[in-house]
Amino acid sequence: MRKIVITSQKGGTGKTTTVVNLGVALGKLGKKVVLIDVDPESNLTYHFGINNPKHSIYDLITDKATISKVIIKKEGVSVIPSTGLLGNVGIEFANREGRELLLKKALKGLKGDYIIIDTPPALDLLTVNALTWANEVFIPLQVEPFALRGLKRLFATIQGVKKNLNPNLEIGGVILTLYDARRRLSGEVEAIVRQHFSSLIFDTRIRENVSLAESPNHGQSIFTYAKHSRGAEDYMSLAKEMISG
């Protein structure tokens, strides 16, 4: 079982898009996949067209529901949704001992080949909980100026969690997103990032694609919304690279 957090401390990197479409791609390749939304903004939840779920990850954390009652099946994967109530966790558990282990306790007994968590774009209590639970971190990196600076900061954060909370945590890879081969800048930034972190960069690039931007508004993954698009091609390639790697 691979326990993966996909995280970025910056919004707009394609983080939720990657969780959804990578997860569905892995499911299409025969893997048992569970996707977990631990962002109070609930973007992953909405991406699957789930509105006002009866139970959510908040109910697991607060012992108000069991895993079997929370899971919703969508497009061949299991989804544990989020709601705005999740935003209360930081306040409710701020002074509680072991608050970094809330998610680890809530997900005990959860099974799957790939369990992937989508986090808020910030290093808050929820993100720390996800990093404390996981074995691997995957980082979507938008190909833009100053990308390397943000990546170095995130690496330092991950190493801090590894040292203090979760010695089993490893950086599984960096995913280049919103890539446009027509732009000289994309190639320049990619070259710099690969020079510094060559062994961690996936070969697959997620290219800019209108269908990827449109699919959340339809409550669908790219494989349901536009299965012949470049977005579907890229995420299937990434899933295969993950499995083979």
C-alpha atoms as a PDB file:
ATOM      1  CA  MET A   1       0.000   0.000   0.000  1.00  0.00           C
ATOM      2  CA  ARG A   2       1.406   3.363  -1.068  1.00  0.00           C
ATOM      3  CA  LYS A   3       0.323   6.271   1.121  1.00  0.00           C
ATOM      4  CA  ILE A   4       0.875   9.475  -0.826  1.00  0.00           C
ATOM      5  CA  VAL A   5       0.381  13.163  -0.111  1.00  0.00           C
ATOM      6  CA  ILE A   6       0.241  15.511  -3.064  1.00  0.00           C
ATOM      7  CA  THR A   7       1.035  18.949  -1.739  1.00  0.00           C
ATOM      8  CA  SER A   8       2.223  22.421  -2.592  1.00  0.00           C
ATOM      9  CA  GLN A   9       2.462  25.540  -0.481  1.00  0.00           C
ATOM     10  CA  LYS A  10       1.351  27.562  -3.487  1.00  0.00           C
ATOM     11  CA  GLY A  11      -2.067  27.563  -5.102  1.00  0.00           C
ATOM     12  CA  GLY A  12      -2.618  27.160  -8.827  1.00  0.00           C
ATOM     13  CA  THR A  13      -0.065  24.390  -9.374  1.00  0.00           C
ATOM     14  CA  GLY A  14      -2.581  21.772 -10.476  1.00  0.00           C
ATOM     15  CA  LYS A  15      -2.487  19.962  -7.129  1.00  0.00           C
ATOM     16  CA  THR A  16      -6.142  18.905  -6.940  1.00  0.00           C
ATOM     17  CA  THR A  17      -6.267  18.272 -10.686  1.00  0.00           C
ATOM     18  CA  THR A  18      -3.353  15.888 -10.234  1.00  0.00           C
ATOM     19  CA  VAL A  19      -4.909  14.039  -7.282  1.00  0.00           C
ATOM     20  CA  VAL A  20      -8.167  13.487  -9.161  1.00  0.00           C
ATOM     21  CA  ASN A  21      -6.817  12.516 -12.558  1.00  0.00           C
ATOM     22  CA  LEU A  22      -3.806  10.537 -11.376  1.00  0.00           C
ATOM     23  CA  GLY A  23      -6.110   8.624  -9.029  1.00  0.00           C
ATOM     24  CA  VAL A  24      -8.640   7.804 -11.748  1.00  0.00           C
ATOM     25  CA  ALA A  25      -5.815   6.803 -14.111  1.00  0.00           C
ATOM     26  CA  LEU A  26      -4.427   4.381 -11.515  1.00  0.00           C
ATOM     27  CA  GLY A  27      -7.922   2.966 -11.080  1.00  0.00           C
ATOM     28  CA  LYS A  28      -8.200   2.400 -14.812  1.00  0.00           C
ATOM     29  CA  LEU A  29      -4.933   0.460 -14.607  1.00  0.00           C
ATOM     30  CA  GLY A  30      -6.524  -1.957 -12.161  1.00  0.00           C
ATOM     31  CA  LYS A  31      -5.343  -0.441  -8.889  1.00  0.00           C
ATOM     32  CA  LYS A  32      -7.524  -0.004  -5.819  1.00  0.00           C
ATOM     33  CA  VAL A  33      -7.427   3.725  -5.164  1.00  0.00           C
ATOM     34  CA  VAL A  34      -8.695   5.882  -2.308  1.00  0.00           C
ATOM     35  CA  LEU A  35      -8.613   9.680  -2.677  1.00  0.00           C
ATOM     36  CA  ILE A  36      -8.935  11.823   0.456  1.00  0.00           C
ATOM     37  CA  ASP A  37      -9.811  15.517   0.582  1.00  0.00           C
ATOM     38  CA  VAL A  38      -8.332  17.246   3.641  1.00  0.00           C
ATOM     39  CA  ASP A  39      -8.743  20.773   2.296  1.00  0.00           C
ATOM     40  CA  PRO A  40     -11.629  22.787   3.825  1.00  0.00           C
ATOM     41  CA  GLU A  41     -12.095  24.374   0.389  1.00  0.00           C
ATOM     42  CA  SER A  42     -13.190  20.881  -0.742  1.00  0.00           C
ATOM     43  CA  ASN A  43     -11.942  21.258  -4.310  1.00  0.00           C
ATOM     44  CA  LEU A  44     -11.350  17.538  -4.775  1.00  0.00           C
ATOM     45  CA  THR A  45     -14.855  16.838  -3.482  1.00  0.00           C
ATOM     46  CA  TYR A  46     -16.423  19.319  -5.892  1.00  0.00           C
ATOM     47  CA  HIS A  47     -14.251  18.054  -8.752  1.00  0.00           C
ATOM     48  CA  PHE A  48     -16.145  14.765  -8.523  1.00  0.00           C
ATOM     49  CA  GLY A  49     -19.495  16.542  -8.402  1.00  0.00           C
ATOM     50  CA  ILE A  50     -20.045  15.690  -4.740  1.00  0.00           C
ATOM     51  CA  ASN A  51     -22.134  18.380  -3.070  1.00  0.00           C
ATOM     52  CA  ASN A  52     -23.133  18.406   0.602  1.00  0.00           C
ATOM     53  CA  PRO A  53     -21.951  14.881   1.484  1.00  0.00           C
ATOM     54  CA  LYS A  54     -23.700  13.344   4.481  1.00  0.00           C
ATOM     55  CA  HIS A  55     -20.353  12.408   6.042  1.00  0.00           C
ATOM     56  CA  SER A  56     -16.813  13.684   5.478  1.00  0.00           C
ATOM     57  CA  ILE A  57     -13.228  13.395   6.649  1.00  0.00           C
ATOM     58  CA  TYR A  58     -14.191  15.765   9.468  1.00  0.00           C
ATOM     59  CA  ASP A  59     -16.537  13.094  10.830  1.00  0.00           C
ATOM     60  CA  LEU A  60     -13.710  10.558  10.782  1.00  0.00           C
ATOM     61  CA  ILE A  61     -11.362  12.884  12.624  1.00  0.00           C
ATOM     62  CA  THR A  62     -13.996  13.675  15.269  1.00  0.00           C
ATOM     63  CA  ASP A  63     -15.184  10.044  15.620  1.00  0.00           C
ATOM     64  CA  LYS A  64     -18.671  10.785  14.311  1.00  0.00           C
ATOM     65  CA  ALA A  65     -18.608   8.249  11.471  1.00  0.00           C
ATOM     66  CA  THR A  66     -16.779   5.149  10.307  1.00  0.00           C
ATOM     67  CA  ILE A  67     -14.751   4.827   7.101  1.00  0.00           C
ATOM     68  CA  SER A  68     -17.421   2.706   5.432  1.00  0.00           C
ATOM     69  CA  LYS A  69     -20.021   5.466   5.921  1.00  0.00           C
ATOM     70  CA  VAL A  70     -17.775   8.204   4.597  1.00  0.00           C
ATOM     71  CA  ILE A  71     -16.477   6.640   1.359  1.00  0.00           C
ATOM     72  CA  ILE A  72     -18.223   7.564  -1.892  1.00  0.00           C
ATOM     73  CA  LYS A  73     -17.538   5.659  -5.124  1.00  0.00           C
ATOM     74  CA  LYS A  74     -16.753   7.810  -8.157  1.00  0.00           C
ATOM     75  CA  GLU A  75     -15.289   6.844 -11.545  1.00  0.00           C
ATOM     76  CA  GLY A  76     -13.731   3.617 -10.281  1.00  0.00           C
ATOM     77  CA  VAL A  77     -12.102   5.090  -7.169  1.00  0.00           C
ATOM     78  CA  SER A  78     -13.139   5.604  -3.541  1.00  0.00           C
ATOM     79  CA  VAL A  79     -13.433   9.204  -2.371  1.00  0.00           C
ATOM     80  CA  ILE A  80     -13.424  10.489   1.205  1.00  0.00           C
ATOM     81  CA  PRO A  81     -14.900  13.976   0.818  1.00  0.00           C
ATOM     82  CA  SER A  82     -14.380  17.194   2.735  1.00  0.00           C
ATOM     83  CA  THR A  83     -16.678  19.972   3.908  1.00  0.00           C
ATOM     84  CA  GLY A  84     -16.137  23.447   5.294  1.00  0.00           C
ATOM     85  CA  LEU A  85     -16.397  21.980   8.798  1.00  0.00           C
ATOM     86  CA  LEU A  86     -12.851  20.745   8.354  1.00  0.00           C
ATOM     87  CA  GLY A  87     -11.707  24.319   8.814  1.00  0.00           C
ATOM     88  CA  ASN A  88     -12.624  24.002  12.507  1.00  0.00           C
ATOM     89  CA  VAL A  89      -9.996  21.346  13.177  1.00  0.00           C
ATOM     90  CA  GLY A  90      -7.176  23.811  13.715  1.00  0.00           C
ATOM     91  CA  ILE A  91      -9.145  25.564  16.448  1.00  0.00           C
ATOM     92  CA  GLU A  92     -10.776  22.506  18.024  1.00  0.00           C
ATOM     93  CA  PHE A  93      -7.515  20.611  18.425  1.00  0.00           C
ATOM     94  CA  ALA A  94      -5.057  23.507  18.734  1.00  0.00           C
ATOM     95  CA  ASN A  95      -4.024  22.671  22.298  1.00  0.00           C
ATOM     96  CA  ARG A  96      -4.599  18.930  22.244  1.00  0.00           C
ATOM     97  CA  GLU A  97      -1.645  16.619  22.699  1.00  0.00           C
ATOM     98  CA  GLY A  98      -0.996  14.439  19.661  1.00  0.00           C
ATOM     99  CA  ARG A  99      -2.864  16.785  17.316  1.00  0.00           C
ATOM    100  CA  GLU A 100      -0.425  15.862  14.515  1.00  0.00           C
ATOM    101  CA  LEU A 101      -1.731  12.280  14.659  1.00  0.00           C
ATOM    102  CA  LEU A 102      -5.449  12.971  14.154  1.00  0.00           C
ATOM    103  CA  LEU A 103      -5.464  11.784  10.556  1.00  0.00           C
ATOM    104  CA  LYS A 104      -3.295   8.764  11.280  1.00  0.00           C
ATOM    105  CA  LYS A 105      -5.813   7.636  13.884  1.00  0.00           C
ATOM    106  CA  ALA A 106      -8.841   8.402  11.698  1.00  0.00           C
ATOM    107  CA  LEU A 107      -7.509   6.407   8.712  1.00  0.00           C
ATOM    108  CA  LYS A 108      -6.420   3.364  10.678  1.00  0.00           C
ATOM    109  CA  GLY A 109      -7.629   0.258   8.864  1.00  0.00           C
ATOM    110  CA  LEU A 110      -8.085   1.996   5.513  1.00  0.00           C
ATOM    111  CA  LYS A 111      -6.854  -0.239   2.700  1.00  0.00           C
ATOM    112  CA  GLY A 112      -5.950   0.237  -0.937  1.00  0.00           C
ATOM    113  CA  ASP A 113      -3.102  -0.039  -3.409  1.00  0.00           C
ATOM    114  CA  TYR A 114      -2.802   3.749  -3.576  1.00  0.00           C
ATOM    115  CA  ILE A 115      -4.194   6.119  -0.950  1.00  0.00           C
ATOM    116  CA  ILE A 116      -3.699   9.709  -2.054  1.00  0.00           C
ATOM    117  CA  ILE A 117      -4.406  12.839  -0.023  1.00  0.00           C
ATOM    118  CA  ASP A 118      -5.098  16.326  -1.337  1.00  0.00           C
ATOM    119  CA  THR A 119      -4.002  19.021   1.126  1.00  0.00           C
ATOM    120  CA  PRO A 120      -4.577  22.757   1.585  1.00  0.00           C
ATOM    121  CA  PRO A 121      -1.986  24.994  -0.142  1.00  0.00           C
ATOM    122  CA  ALA A 122      -0.432  25.872   3.221  1.00  0.00           C
ATOM    123  CA  LEU A 123       1.604  24.286   5.977  1.00  0.00           C
ATOM    124  CA  ASP A 124      -1.216  24.113   8.514  1.00  0.00           C
ATOM    125  CA  LEU A 125      -2.305  21.418  10.973  1.00  0.00           C
ATOM    126  CA  LEU A 126      -4.134  19.459   8.276  1.00  0.00           C
ATOM    127  CA  THR A 127      -1.104  19.364   5.982  1.00  0.00           C
ATOM    128  CA  VAL A 128       1.166  18.355   8.854  1.00  0.00           C
ATOM    129  CA  ASN A 129      -1.286  15.566   9.718  1.00  0.00           C
ATOM    130  CA  ALA A 130      -1.179  14.332   6.122  1.00  0.00           C
ATOM    131  CA  LEU A 131       2.633  14.389   6.042  1.00  0.00           C
ATOM    132  CA  THR A 132       2.784  12.571   9.381  1.00  0.00           C
ATOM    133  CA  TRP A 133       0.537   9.810   7.991  1.00  0.00           C
ATOM    134  CA  ALA A 134       2.122   9.352   4.549  1.00  0.00           C
ATOM    135  CA  ASN A 135       5.109   7.444   3.240  1.00  0.00           C
ATOM    136  CA  GLU A 136       5.577   9.543   0.101  1.00  0.00           C
ATOM    137  CA  VAL A 137       5.161  13.139  -1.004  1.00  0.00           C
ATOM    138  CA  PHE A 138       4.539  14.144  -4.602  1.00  0.00           C
ATOM    139  CA  ILE A 139       4.905  17.805  -5.495  1.00  0.00           C
ATOM    140  CA  PRO A 140       3.194  19.416  -8.497  1.00  0.00           C
ATOM    141  CA  LEU A 141       5.404  22.218  -9.754  1.00  0.00           C
ATOM    142  CA  GLN A 142       4.058  24.878 -12.073  1.00  0.00           C
ATOM    143  CA  VAL A 143       6.675  25.723 -14.675  1.00  0.00           C
ATOM    144  CA  GLU A 144       7.181  29.412 -13.937  1.00  0.00           C
ATOM    145  CA  PRO A 145       9.844  31.839 -12.655  1.00  0.00           C
ATOM    146  CA  PHE A 146      10.885  31.333  -9.022  1.00  0.00           C
ATOM    147  CA  ALA A 147       9.638  27.724  -9.109  1.00  0.00           C
ATOM    148  CA  LEU A 148      12.963  26.526  -7.764  1.00  0.00           C
ATOM    149  CA  ARG A 149      12.798  28.876  -4.781  1.00  0.00           C
ATOM    150  CA  GLY A 150       9.377  27.563  -3.721  1.00  0.00           C
ATOM    151  CA  LEU A 151      10.489  23.983  -4.237  1.00  0.00           C
ATOM    152  CA  LYS A 152      13.494  24.409  -1.953  1.00  0.00           C
ATOM    153  CA  ARG A 153      11.281  25.837   0.816  1.00  0.00           C
ATOM    154  CA  LEU A 154       8.859  22.939   0.541  1.00  0.00           C
ATOM    155  CA  PHE A 155      11.710  20.418   0.634  1.00  0.00           C
ATOM    156  CA  ALA A 156      12.939  22.007   3.861  1.00  0.00           C
ATOM    157  CA  THR A 157       9.452  21.717   5.370  1.00  0.00           C
ATOM    158  CA  ILE A 158       9.191  18.058   4.405  1.00  0.00           C
ATOM    159  CA  GLN A 159      12.590  17.332   5.908  1.00  0.00           C
ATOM    160  CA  GLY A 160      11.460  18.993   9.133  1.00  0.00           C
ATOM    161  CA  VAL A 161       8.406  16.741   9.342  1.00  0.00           C
ATOM    162  CA  LYS A 162      10.581  13.726   8.552  1.00  0.00           C
ATOM    163  CA  LYS A 163      13.002  14.612  11.343  1.00  0.00           C
ATOM    164  CA  ASN A 164      10.442  15.431  14.019  1.00  0.00           C
ATOM    165  CA  LEU A 165       7.284  13.462  13.241  1.00  0.00           C
ATOM    166  CA  ASN A 166       7.604  10.837  10.510  1.00  0.00           C
ATOM    167  CA  PRO A 167      10.983   9.212   9.797  1.00  0.00           C
ATOM    168  CA  ASN A 168       9.395   7.088   7.029  1.00  0.00           C
ATOM    169  CA  LEU A 169       8.461  10.095   4.899  1.00  0.00           C
ATOM    170  CA  GLU A 170      10.205  10.376   1.514  1.00  0.00           C
ATOM    171  CA  ILE A 171       9.894  12.702  -1.455  1.00  0.00           C
ATOM    172  CA  GLY A 172       8.484  10.469  -4.171  1.00  0.00           C
ATOM    173  CA  GLY A 173       8.793  12.883  -7.058  1.00  0.00           C
ATOM    174  CA  VAL A 174       8.144  16.273  -8.594  1.00  0.00           C
ATOM    175  CA  ILE A 175       5.517  16.635 -11.326  1.00  0.00           C
ATOM    176  CA  LEU A 176       5.908  19.441 -13.857  1.00  0.00           C
ATOM    177  CA  THR A 177       2.483  20.960 -14.489  1.00  0.00           C
ATOM    178  CA  LEU A 178       0.965  23.594 -16.781  1.00  0.00           C
ATOM    179  CA  TYR A 179       3.772  22.919 -19.231  1.00  0.00           C
ATOM    180  CA  ASP A 180       3.717  24.702 -22.592  1.00  0.00           C
ATOM    181  CA  ALA A 181       6.451  23.592 -24.976  1.00  0.00           C
ATOM    182  CA  ARG A 182       5.755  26.648 -27.166  1.00  0.00           C
ATOM    183  CA  ARG A 183       6.982  28.959 -24.431  1.00  0.00           C
ATOM    184  CA  ARG A 184      10.728  29.350 -24.124  1.00  0.00           C
ATOM    185  CA  LEU A 185      10.292  29.917 -20.398  1.00  0.00           C
ATOM    186  CA  SER A 186       8.918  26.407 -19.863  1.00  0.00           C
ATOM    187  CA  GLY A 187      12.049  24.824 -21.265  1.00  0.00           C
ATOM    188  CA  GLU A 188      14.323  27.139 -19.307  1.00  0.00           C
ATOM    189  CA  VAL A 189      12.622  26.482 -15.976  1.00  0.00           C
ATOM    190  CA  GLU A 190      12.515  22.744 -16.634  1.00  0.00           C
ATOM    191  CA  ALA A 191      16.248  22.704 -17.374  1.00  0.00           C
ATOM    192  CA  ILE A 192      17.035  24.502 -14.112  1.00  0.00           C
ATOM    193  CA  VAL A 193      14.789  22.244 -12.021  1.00  0.00           C
ATOM    194  CA  ARG A 194      16.166  19.076 -13.605  1.00  0.00           C
ATOM    195  CA  GLN A 195      19.707  20.301 -13.024  1.00  0.00           C
ATOM    196  CA  HIS A 196      19.081  20.604  -9.286  1.00  0.00           C
ATOM    197  CA  PHE A 197      16.649  17.712  -8.712  1.00  0.00           C
ATOM    198  CA  SER A 198      17.111  15.423 -11.713  1.00  0.00           C
ATOM    199  CA  SER A 199      16.432  12.142  -9.914  1.00  0.00           C
ATOM    200  CA  LEU A 200      13.133  13.407  -8.505  1.00  0.00           C
ATOM    201  CA  ILE A 201      11.531  14.873 -11.647  1.00  0.00           C
ATOM    202  CA  PHE A 202       9.048  12.657 -13.473  1.00  0.00           C
ATOM    203  CA  ASP A 203       9.639  12.257 -17.194  1.00  0.00           C
ATOM    204  CA  THR A 204       5.955  12.913 -17.834  1.00  0.00           C
ATOM    205  CA  ARG A 205       5.002  16.578 -18.092  1.00  0.00           C
ATOM    206  CA  ILE A 206       1.412  17.690 -17.590  1.00  0.00           C
ATOM    207  CA  ARG A 207       0.807  20.019 -20.483  1.00  0.00           C
ATOM    208  CA  GLU A 208      -1.549  22.985 -20.415  1.00  0.00           C
ATOM    209  CA  ASN A 209      -4.919  21.767 -21.586  1.00  0.00           C
ATOM    210  CA  VAL A 210      -8.281  23.534 -21.752  1.00  0.00           C
ATOM    211  CA  SER A 211     -10.160  20.313 -20.976  1.00  0.00           C
ATOM    212  CA  LEU A 212      -8.274  19.909 -17.688  1.00  0.00           C
ATOM    213  CA  ALA A 213      -9.436  23.373 -16.681  1.00  0.00           C
ATOM    214  CA  GLU A 214     -13.025  22.699 -17.739  1.00  0.00           C
ATOM    215  CA  SER A 215     -13.585  19.227 -16.265  1.00  0.00           C
ATOM    216  CA  PRO A 216     -14.020  20.311 -12.588  1.00  0.00           C
ATOM    217  CA  ASN A 217     -16.991  22.485 -13.561  1.00  0.00           C
ATOM    218  CA  HIS A 218     -18.652  19.351 -14.905  1.00  0.00           C
ATOM    219  CA  GLY A 219     -17.886  17.270 -11.796  1.00  0.00           C
ATOM    220  CA  GLN A 220     -15.788  14.834 -13.798  1.00  0.00           C
ATOM    221  CA  SER A 221     -12.234  13.628 -14.198  1.00  0.00           C
ATOM    222  CA  ILE A 222     -10.500  14.264 -17.496  1.00  0.00           C
ATOM    223  CA  PHE A 223     -11.112  10.619 -18.456  1.00  0.00           C
ATOM    224  CA  THR A 224     -14.877  11.077 -18.344  1.00  0.00           C
ATOM    225  CA  TYR A 225     -14.983  14.641 -19.622  1.00  0.00           C
ATOM    226  CA  ALA A 226     -12.455  14.370 -22.477  1.00  0.00           C
ATOM    227  CA  LYS A 227     -10.875  10.933 -22.635  1.00  0.00           C
ATOM    228  CA  HIS A 228      -9.015  11.657 -25.877  1.00  0.00           C
ATOM    229  CA  SER A 229      -7.489  14.937 -24.692  1.00  0.00           C
ATOM    230  CA  ARG A 230      -3.840  15.675 -23.995  1.00  0.00           C
ATOM    231  CA  GLY A 231      -4.734  15.919 -20.330  1.00  0.00           C
ATOM    232  CA  ALA A 232      -5.994  12.331 -20.272  1.00  0.00           C
ATOM    233  CA  GLU A 233      -2.923  11.202 -22.193  1.00  0.00           C
ATOM    234  CA  ASP A 234      -0.540  12.919 -19.785  1.00  0.00           C
ATOM    235  CA  TYR A 235      -2.128  11.652 -16.574  1.00  0.00           C
ATOM    236  CA  MET A 236      -2.288   8.100 -17.873  1.00  0.00           C
ATOM    237  CA  SER A 237       1.401   8.374 -18.780  1.00  0.00           C
ATOM    238  CA  LEU A 238       2.164   9.661 -15.263  1.00  0.00           C
ATOM    239  CA  ALA A 239       0.233   6.800 -13.649  1.00  0.00           C
ATOM    240  CA  LYS A 240       2.149   4.228 -15.693  1.00  0.00           C
ATOM    241  CA  GLU A 241       5.443   5.922 -14.791  1.00  0.00           C
ATOM    242  CA  MET A 242       4.501   5.795 -11.104  1.00  0.00           C
ATOM    243  CA  ILE A 243       3.682   2.106 -11.267  1.00  0.00           C
ATOM    244  CA  SER A 244       6.829   1.176 -13.165  1.00  0.00           C
ATOM    245  CA  GLY A 245       9.020   3.340 -10.964  1.00  0.00           C
END
